[in-house]
Amino acid sequence: MHDGYLTVTAADLIATDPRLRDLDVDVRFDGGVAHLTGEVADDDQLRRVREAIGRLAGVHGVWDRLRVGGRAPVILDIGCGDAPQYPGNIGLDQRPGKAVSVVADLRDGLPIADATADQIFAVHVLEHLTDYLRLVRECHRVLRPGGVLHILSPWWRHVNAVADPTHLRFFDLQTIKGICQQPTPDRWYPQHASCDGATVFADLVAARPTDPEPDPRHLARFFD
């Protein structure tokens, strides 16, 4: 029911907001995560619709397969196993599989050229790595400026965080804040962050060194 309510609300927002109503964008929700499809003209429209949907109460993440200026996004799915988040994602995993395009040990980095991906999914991956910050830095290198890293990890107080003996690290929204505050040129802008009591969600934008710091009011939505 909640996903249905959010889907209707998002459709109303796009239809009535003068900044969005001319966009060819459809939205559906699954588990509080928005899934956007369609097309926008440029990166400004992409950022605008992502931020607008993310402001709706009850949204945990904003994912999309939007074409930008006629170009389909390049999306990596790291640690995908046999279940990529979207068909057509480029899957990376340490074991071969039907959804795996590149066999790679994520502890050794990503065998992908700089600034070539628009989005990277790291769904239930980081908690399995002792030094996950190294992989996060690799994601920043591989993403184009303005590209998004989508993170899902078990919340540290939920049983799922400790039930799997291969989990090596634990996550909270403050962990996401800490990632964004790392003293490194590879800065992250938290487009969205949330916790539903079982899972920590984060959509982090690969910021450029010249980008301004996030508005404290924006950060307060997620971390205060």
C-alpha atoms as a PDB file:
ATOM      1  CA  MET A   1       0.000   0.000   0.000  1.00  0.00           C
ATOM      2  CA  HIS A   2       2.808   2.424   0.884  1.00  0.00           C
ATOM      3  CA  ASP A   3       4.522   1.874  -2.479  1.00  0.00           C
ATOM      4  CA  GLY A   4       1.213   2.463  -4.266  1.00  0.00           C
ATOM      5  CA  TYR A   5       0.700   5.716  -2.377  1.00  0.00           C
ATOM      6  CA  LEU A   6       4.206   6.904  -3.232  1.00  0.00           C
ATOM      7  CA  THR A   7       3.755   5.988  -6.903  1.00  0.00           C
ATOM      8  CA  VAL A   8       0.551   8.048  -7.155  1.00  0.00           C
ATOM      9  CA  THR A   9       2.112  10.941  -5.231  1.00  0.00           C
ATOM     10  CA  ALA A  10       5.181  10.980  -7.487  1.00  0.00           C
ATOM     11  CA  ALA A  11       3.006  10.945 -10.608  1.00  0.00           C
ATOM     12  CA  ASP A  12       1.000  13.881  -9.258  1.00  0.00           C
ATOM     13  CA  LEU A  13       4.206  15.763  -8.476  1.00  0.00           C
ATOM     14  CA  ILE A  14       5.583  15.305 -11.982  1.00  0.00           C
ATOM     15  CA  ALA A  15       2.254  16.281 -13.555  1.00  0.00           C
ATOM     16  CA  THR A  16       1.816  19.479 -11.538  1.00  0.00           C
ATOM     17  CA  ASP A  17       5.310  20.799 -10.755  1.00  0.00           C
ATOM     18  CA  PRO A  18       6.169  23.312 -13.514  1.00  0.00           C
ATOM     19  CA  ARG A  19       9.820  22.241 -13.336  1.00  0.00           C
ATOM     20  CA  LEU A  20       8.913  18.604 -14.038  1.00  0.00           C
ATOM     21  CA  ARG A  21       5.601  18.377 -15.870  1.00  0.00           C
ATOM     22  CA  ASP A  22       7.115  18.423 -19.365  1.00  0.00           C
ATOM     23  CA  LEU A  23       9.485  15.551 -18.591  1.00  0.00           C
ATOM     24  CA  ASP A  24       8.971  12.106 -20.093  1.00  0.00           C
ATOM     25  CA  VAL A  25       9.484  10.279 -16.798  1.00  0.00           C
ATOM     26  CA  ASP A  26       7.580   7.427 -15.139  1.00  0.00           C
ATOM     27  CA  VAL A  27       8.031   6.465 -11.478  1.00  0.00           C
ATOM     28  CA  ARG A  28       7.180   3.300  -9.592  1.00  0.00           C
ATOM     29  CA  PHE A  29       8.115   2.317  -6.052  1.00  0.00           C
ATOM     30  CA  ASP A  30       9.300  -0.958  -4.581  1.00  0.00           C
ATOM     31  CA  GLY A  31      10.095  -1.111  -0.872  1.00  0.00           C
ATOM     32  CA  GLY A  32      10.237   2.661  -0.694  1.00  0.00           C
ATOM     33  CA  VAL A  33      12.817   2.882  -3.499  1.00  0.00           C
ATOM     34  CA  ALA A  34      11.815   4.994  -6.503  1.00  0.00           C
ATOM     35  CA  HIS A  35      12.511   3.501  -9.935  1.00  0.00           C
ATOM     36  CA  LEU A  36      12.543   6.150 -12.674  1.00  0.00           C
ATOM     37  CA  THR A  37      12.334   5.359 -16.384  1.00  0.00           C
ATOM     38  CA  GLY A  38      11.997   7.538 -19.455  1.00  0.00           C
ATOM     39  CA  GLU A  39      14.143  10.335 -20.809  1.00  0.00           C
ATOM     40  CA  VAL A  40      15.387  13.790 -19.880  1.00  0.00           C
ATOM     41  CA  ALA A  41      17.190  16.356 -22.005  1.00  0.00           C
ATOM     42  CA  ASP A  42      20.292  16.949 -19.899  1.00  0.00           C
ATOM     43  CA  ASP A  43      22.038  16.447 -16.558  1.00  0.00           C
ATOM     44  CA  ASP A  44      20.229  19.409 -14.980  1.00  0.00           C
ATOM     45  CA  GLN A  45      16.837  17.826 -15.624  1.00  0.00           C
ATOM     46  CA  LEU A  46      18.162  14.499 -14.328  1.00  0.00           C
ATOM     47  CA  ARG A  47      19.342  16.084 -11.090  1.00  0.00           C
ATOM     48  CA  ARG A  48      16.093  18.029 -10.720  1.00  0.00           C
ATOM     49  CA  VAL A  49      13.789  15.025 -11.005  1.00  0.00           C
ATOM     50  CA  ARG A  50      15.964  12.884  -8.728  1.00  0.00           C
ATOM     51  CA  GLU A  51      15.962  15.551  -6.027  1.00  0.00           C
ATOM     52  CA  ALA A  52      12.235  16.230  -6.340  1.00  0.00           C
ATOM     53  CA  ILE A  53      11.291  12.565  -5.936  1.00  0.00           C
ATOM     54  CA  GLY A  54      13.768  12.186  -3.084  1.00  0.00           C
ATOM     55  CA  ARG A  55      12.012  14.918  -1.105  1.00  0.00           C
ATOM     56  CA  LEU A  56       8.801  12.882  -0.803  1.00  0.00           C
ATOM     57  CA  ALA A  57       8.247  11.542   2.700  1.00  0.00           C
ATOM     58  CA  GLY A  58       8.872   7.819   2.974  1.00  0.00           C
ATOM     59  CA  VAL A  59      11.356   7.532   0.098  1.00  0.00           C
ATOM     60  CA  HIS A  60      14.426   5.414   0.882  1.00  0.00           C
ATOM     61  CA  GLY A  61      16.291   5.750  -2.412  1.00  0.00           C
ATOM     62  CA  VAL A  62      16.029   7.081  -5.958  1.00  0.00           C
ATOM     63  CA  TRP A  63      17.193   4.730  -8.719  1.00  0.00           C
ATOM     64  CA  ASP A  64      16.769   5.327 -12.415  1.00  0.00           C
ATOM     65  CA  ARG A  65      17.390   4.121 -15.937  1.00  0.00           C
ATOM     66  CA  LEU A  66      16.690   7.485 -17.509  1.00  0.00           C
ATOM     67  CA  ARG A  67      18.130   8.240 -20.922  1.00  0.00           C
ATOM     68  CA  VAL A  68      19.881  11.612 -20.969  1.00  0.00           C
ATOM     69  CA  GLY A  69      19.829  13.441 -24.281  1.00  0.00           C
ATOM     70  CA  GLY A  70      19.082  10.161 -26.044  1.00  0.00           C
ATOM     71  CA  ARG A  71      21.950   8.266 -24.382  1.00  0.00           C
ATOM     72  CA  ALA A  72      21.261   5.237 -22.202  1.00  0.00           C
ATOM     73  CA  PRO A  73      23.121   5.231 -18.875  1.00  0.00           C
ATOM     74  CA  VAL A  74      26.115   2.985 -18.265  1.00  0.00           C
ATOM     75  CA  ILE A  75      25.323   1.166 -15.014  1.00  0.00           C
ATOM     76  CA  LEU A  76      27.687  -1.137 -13.125  1.00  0.00           C
ATOM     77  CA  ASP A  77      26.372  -3.735 -10.674  1.00  0.00           C
ATOM     78  CA  ILE A  78      29.239  -4.779  -8.403  1.00  0.00           C
ATOM     79  CA  GLY A  79      28.952  -8.013  -6.476  1.00  0.00           C
ATOM     80  CA  CYS A  80      25.788  -8.737  -8.464  1.00  0.00           C
ATOM     81  CA  GLY A  81      25.819 -12.555  -8.328  1.00  0.00           C
ATOM     82  CA  ASP A  82      22.871 -13.803 -10.368  1.00  0.00           C
ATOM     83  CA  ALA A  83      20.562 -10.919  -9.445  1.00  0.00           C
ATOM     84  CA  PRO A  84      21.432  -7.569 -11.066  1.00  0.00           C
ATOM     85  CA  GLN A  85      19.272  -4.653 -10.002  1.00  0.00           C
ATOM     86  CA  TYR A  86      18.266  -3.912 -13.607  1.00  0.00           C
ATOM     87  CA  PRO A  87      18.480  -5.978 -16.795  1.00  0.00           C
ATOM     88  CA  GLY A  88      21.322  -4.634 -18.899  1.00  0.00           C
ATOM     89  CA  ASN A  89      23.498  -3.621 -15.965  1.00  0.00           C
ATOM     90  CA  ILE A  90      27.170  -4.526 -16.344  1.00  0.00           C
ATOM     91  CA  GLY A  91      27.688  -7.123 -13.633  1.00  0.00           C
ATOM     92  CA  LEU A  92      30.973  -7.554 -11.745  1.00  0.00           C
ATOM     93  CA  ASP A  93      31.566 -10.423  -9.355  1.00  0.00           C
ATOM     94  CA  GLN A  94      34.426 -12.625  -8.205  1.00  0.00           C
ATOM     95  CA  ARG A  95      32.657 -15.714  -9.539  1.00  0.00           C
ATOM     96  CA  PRO A  96      31.293 -16.281 -13.052  1.00  0.00           C
ATOM     97  CA  GLY A  97      27.519 -16.233 -13.409  1.00  0.00           C
ATOM     98  CA  LYS A  98      24.750 -15.610 -15.875  1.00  0.00           C
ATOM     99  CA  ALA A  99      24.589 -11.911 -14.925  1.00  0.00           C
ATOM    100  CA  VAL A 100      28.358 -11.400 -14.597  1.00  0.00           C
ATOM    101  CA  SER A 101      30.050  -9.528 -17.444  1.00  0.00           C
ATOM    102  CA  VAL A 102      33.392  -8.992 -15.674  1.00  0.00           C
ATOM    103  CA  VAL A 103      34.971 -11.445 -13.220  1.00  0.00           C
ATOM    104  CA  ALA A 104      36.876  -9.411 -10.647  1.00  0.00           C
ATOM    105  CA  ASP A 105      37.812  -9.513  -6.979  1.00  0.00           C
ATOM    106  CA  LEU A 106      36.422  -6.241  -5.635  1.00  0.00           C
ATOM    107  CA  ARG A 107      39.154  -6.157  -2.998  1.00  0.00           C
ATOM    108  CA  ASP A 108      41.615  -5.484  -5.832  1.00  0.00           C
ATOM    109  CA  GLY A 109      39.678  -2.572  -7.302  1.00  0.00           C
ATOM    110  CA  LEU A 110      37.531  -2.229 -10.395  1.00  0.00           C
ATOM    111  CA  PRO A 111      39.003  -3.154 -13.805  1.00  0.00           C
ATOM    112  CA  ILE A 112      37.089  -0.276 -15.396  1.00  0.00           C
ATOM    113  CA  ALA A 113      38.444   2.910 -17.000  1.00  0.00           C
ATOM    114  CA  ASP A 114      38.166   6.281 -15.285  1.00  0.00           C
ATOM    115  CA  ALA A 115      34.939   8.304 -15.575  1.00  0.00           C
ATOM    116  CA  THR A 116      33.056   5.766 -17.680  1.00  0.00           C
ATOM    117  CA  ALA A 117      29.987   4.845 -15.576  1.00  0.00           C
ATOM    118  CA  ASP A 118      26.869   6.857 -14.819  1.00  0.00           C
ATOM    119  CA  GLN A 119      25.752   4.744 -11.862  1.00  0.00           C
ATOM    120  CA  ILE A 120      27.155   1.960  -9.693  1.00  0.00           C
ATOM    121  CA  PHE A 121      25.075  -0.378  -7.544  1.00  0.00           C
ATOM    122  CA  ALA A 122      26.744  -1.770  -4.419  1.00  0.00           C
ATOM    123  CA  VAL A 123      23.837  -3.728  -2.957  1.00  0.00           C
ATOM    124  CA  HIS A 124      24.781  -5.777   0.123  1.00  0.00           C
ATOM    125  CA  VAL A 125      28.441  -5.635  -0.850  1.00  0.00           C
ATOM    126  CA  LEU A 126      30.379  -3.204   1.347  1.00  0.00           C
ATOM    127  CA  GLU A 127      29.640  -5.017   4.595  1.00  0.00           C
ATOM    128  CA  HIS A 128      31.603  -8.014   3.263  1.00  0.00           C
ATOM    129  CA  LEU A 129      34.842  -6.029   2.885  1.00  0.00           C
ATOM    130  CA  THR A 130      37.289  -5.106   5.622  1.00  0.00           C
ATOM    131  CA  ASP A 131      38.564  -2.074   3.685  1.00  0.00           C
ATOM    132  CA  TYR A 132      35.394  -0.991   1.923  1.00  0.00           C
ATOM    133  CA  LEU A 133      36.625   2.607   1.680  1.00  0.00           C
ATOM    134  CA  ARG A 134      39.114   1.478  -0.944  1.00  0.00           C
ATOM    135  CA  LEU A 135      36.249   0.197  -3.075  1.00  0.00           C
ATOM    136  CA  VAL A 136      34.282   3.395  -2.470  1.00  0.00           C
ATOM    137  CA  ARG A 137      37.249   5.397  -3.779  1.00  0.00           C
ATOM    138  CA  GLU A 138      37.409   3.106  -6.815  1.00  0.00           C
ATOM    139  CA  CYS A 139      33.729   3.784  -7.471  1.00  0.00           C
ATOM    140  CA  HIS A 140      34.428   7.516  -7.415  1.00  0.00           C
ATOM    141  CA  ARG A 141      37.222   7.043  -9.952  1.00  0.00           C
ATOM    142  CA  VAL A 142      35.021   5.019 -12.299  1.00  0.00           C
ATOM    143  CA  LEU A 143      31.966   7.293 -12.097  1.00  0.00           C
ATOM    144  CA  ARG A 144      31.582  10.283 -14.345  1.00  0.00           C
ATOM    145  CA  PRO A 145      31.305  13.596 -12.453  1.00  0.00           C
ATOM    146  CA  GLY A 146      27.759  13.666 -11.142  1.00  0.00           C
ATOM    147  CA  GLY A 147      27.439   9.878 -11.333  1.00  0.00           C
ATOM    148  CA  VAL A 148      25.712   8.083  -8.464  1.00  0.00           C
ATOM    149  CA  LEU A 149      26.822   5.265  -6.178  1.00  0.00           C
ATOM    150  CA  HIS A 150      23.814   3.366  -4.770  1.00  0.00           C
ATOM    151  CA  ILE A 151      24.589   1.645  -1.457  1.00  0.00           C
ATOM    152  CA  LEU A 152      22.441  -0.821   0.463  1.00  0.00           C
ATOM    153  CA  SER A 153      23.738  -2.493   3.624  1.00  0.00           C
ATOM    154  CA  PRO A 154      22.118  -4.027   6.721  1.00  0.00           C
ATOM    155  CA  TRP A 155      21.535  -1.600   9.573  1.00  0.00           C
ATOM    156  CA  TRP A 156      23.878  -2.439  12.416  1.00  0.00           C
ATOM    157  CA  ARG A 157      21.112  -2.984  15.007  1.00  0.00           C
ATOM    158  CA  HIS A 158      19.084  -5.372  12.820  1.00  0.00           C
ATOM    159  CA  VAL A 159      19.543  -9.136  13.087  1.00  0.00           C
ATOM    160  CA  ASN A 160      20.489  -9.287   9.396  1.00  0.00           C
ATOM    161  CA  ALA A 161      23.692  -7.413  10.165  1.00  0.00           C
ATOM    162  CA  VAL A 162      24.986 -10.128  12.488  1.00  0.00           C
ATOM    163  CA  ALA A 163      23.242 -13.243  11.166  1.00  0.00           C
ATOM    164  CA  ASP A 164      25.604 -13.575   8.193  1.00  0.00           C
ATOM    165  CA  PRO A 165      29.088 -14.587   9.421  1.00  0.00           C
ATOM    166  CA  THR A 166      30.656 -13.157   6.237  1.00  0.00           C
ATOM    167  CA  HIS A 167      29.677  -9.631   7.276  1.00  0.00           C
ATOM    168  CA  LEU A 168      32.840  -7.855   8.383  1.00  0.00           C
ATOM    169  CA  ARG A 169      31.609  -4.266   8.831  1.00  0.00           C
ATOM    170  CA  PHE A 170      28.458  -2.606  10.167  1.00  0.00           C
ATOM    171  CA  PHE A 171      26.532   0.385   8.825  1.00  0.00           C
ATOM    172  CA  ASP A 172      24.422   3.246  10.098  1.00  0.00           C
ATOM    173  CA  LEU A 173      23.410   6.567   8.586  1.00  0.00           C
ATOM    174  CA  GLN A 174      26.343   8.039  10.484  1.00  0.00           C
ATOM    175  CA  THR A 175      28.593   5.670   8.515  1.00  0.00           C
ATOM    176  CA  ILE A 176      27.320   7.276   5.317  1.00  0.00           C
ATOM    177  CA  LYS A 177      27.988  10.707   6.827  1.00  0.00           C
ATOM    178  CA  GLY A 178      31.522   9.554   7.628  1.00  0.00           C
ATOM    179  CA  ILE A 179      32.077   8.410   4.032  1.00  0.00           C
ATOM    180  CA  CYS A 180      31.019  11.842   2.813  1.00  0.00           C
ATOM    181  CA  GLN A 181      33.375  13.546   5.278  1.00  0.00           C
ATOM    182  CA  GLN A 182      36.501  11.575   4.393  1.00  0.00           C
ATOM    183  CA  PRO A 183      39.524  13.920   3.976  1.00  0.00           C
ATOM    184  CA  THR A 184      40.128  13.022   0.340  1.00  0.00           C
ATOM    185  CA  PRO A 185      39.741  14.758  -3.027  1.00  0.00           C
ATOM    186  CA  ASP A 186      37.198  12.050  -3.935  1.00  0.00           C
ATOM    187  CA  ARG A 187      34.251  13.862  -2.381  1.00  0.00           C
ATOM    188  CA  TRP A 188      30.700  12.537  -2.197  1.00  0.00           C
ATOM    189  CA  TYR A 189      27.479  14.540  -2.138  1.00  0.00           C
ATOM    190  CA  PRO A 190      24.671  12.676  -0.329  1.00  0.00           C
ATOM    191  CA  GLN A 191      21.777  12.948  -2.759  1.00  0.00           C
ATOM    192  CA  HIS A 192      19.692  10.773  -0.456  1.00  0.00           C
ATOM    193  CA  ALA A 193      20.165   8.591   2.626  1.00  0.00           C
ATOM    194  CA  SER A 194      17.685   6.638   4.717  1.00  0.00           C
ATOM    195  CA  CYS A 195      17.181   3.691   7.051  1.00  0.00           C
ATOM    196  CA  ASP A 196      13.991   1.620   7.274  1.00  0.00           C
ATOM    197  CA  GLY A 197      14.956  -0.203  10.466  1.00  0.00           C
ATOM    198  CA  ALA A 198      16.567  -3.094   8.592  1.00  0.00           C
ATOM    199  CA  THR A 199      18.607  -1.554   5.771  1.00  0.00           C
ATOM    200  CA  VAL A 200      20.724   1.547   5.275  1.00  0.00           C
ATOM    201  CA  PHE A 201      20.186   3.189   1.871  1.00  0.00           C
ATOM    202  CA  ALA A 202      22.391   5.843   0.292  1.00  0.00           C
ATOM    203  CA  ASP A 203      22.590   7.530  -3.114  1.00  0.00           C
ATOM    204  CA  LEU A 204      25.952   9.303  -3.236  1.00  0.00           C
ATOM    205  CA  VAL A 205      26.907  11.647  -6.081  1.00  0.00           C
ATOM    206  CA  ALA A 206      30.539  11.744  -7.199  1.00  0.00           C
ATOM    207  CA  ALA A 207      31.367  15.407  -6.603  1.00  0.00           C
ATOM    208  CA  ARG A 208      34.131  17.323  -8.315  1.00  0.00           C
ATOM    209  CA  PRO A 209      36.796  19.148  -6.256  1.00  0.00           C
ATOM    210  CA  THR A 210      35.333  22.463  -7.412  1.00  0.00           C
ATOM    211  CA  ASP A 211      31.760  21.637  -6.352  1.00  0.00           C
ATOM    212  CA  PRO A 212      30.453  23.575  -3.315  1.00  0.00           C
ATOM    213  CA  GLU A 213      29.909  21.912   0.026  1.00  0.00           C
ATOM    214  CA  PRO A 214      26.368  20.607   0.618  1.00  0.00           C
ATOM    215  CA  ASP A 215      23.884  22.917   2.284  1.00  0.00           C
ATOM    216  CA  PRO A 216      23.808  22.088   6.041  1.00  0.00           C
ATOM    217  CA  ARG A 217      20.000  21.987   5.837  1.00  0.00           C
ATOM    218  CA  HIS A 218      20.281  19.250   3.193  1.00  0.00           C
ATOM    219  CA  LEU A 219      22.625  17.208   5.398  1.00  0.00           C
ATOM    220  CA  ALA A 220      20.372  17.698   8.418  1.00  0.00           C
ATOM    221  CA  ARG A 221      17.586  15.775   6.636  1.00  0.00           C
ATOM    222  CA  PHE A 222      19.641  12.602   6.802  1.00  0.00           C
ATOM    223  CA  PHE A 223      22.208  12.827   9.581  1.00  0.00           C
ATOM    224  CA  ASP A 224      20.901  15.053  12.423  1.00  0.00           C
END
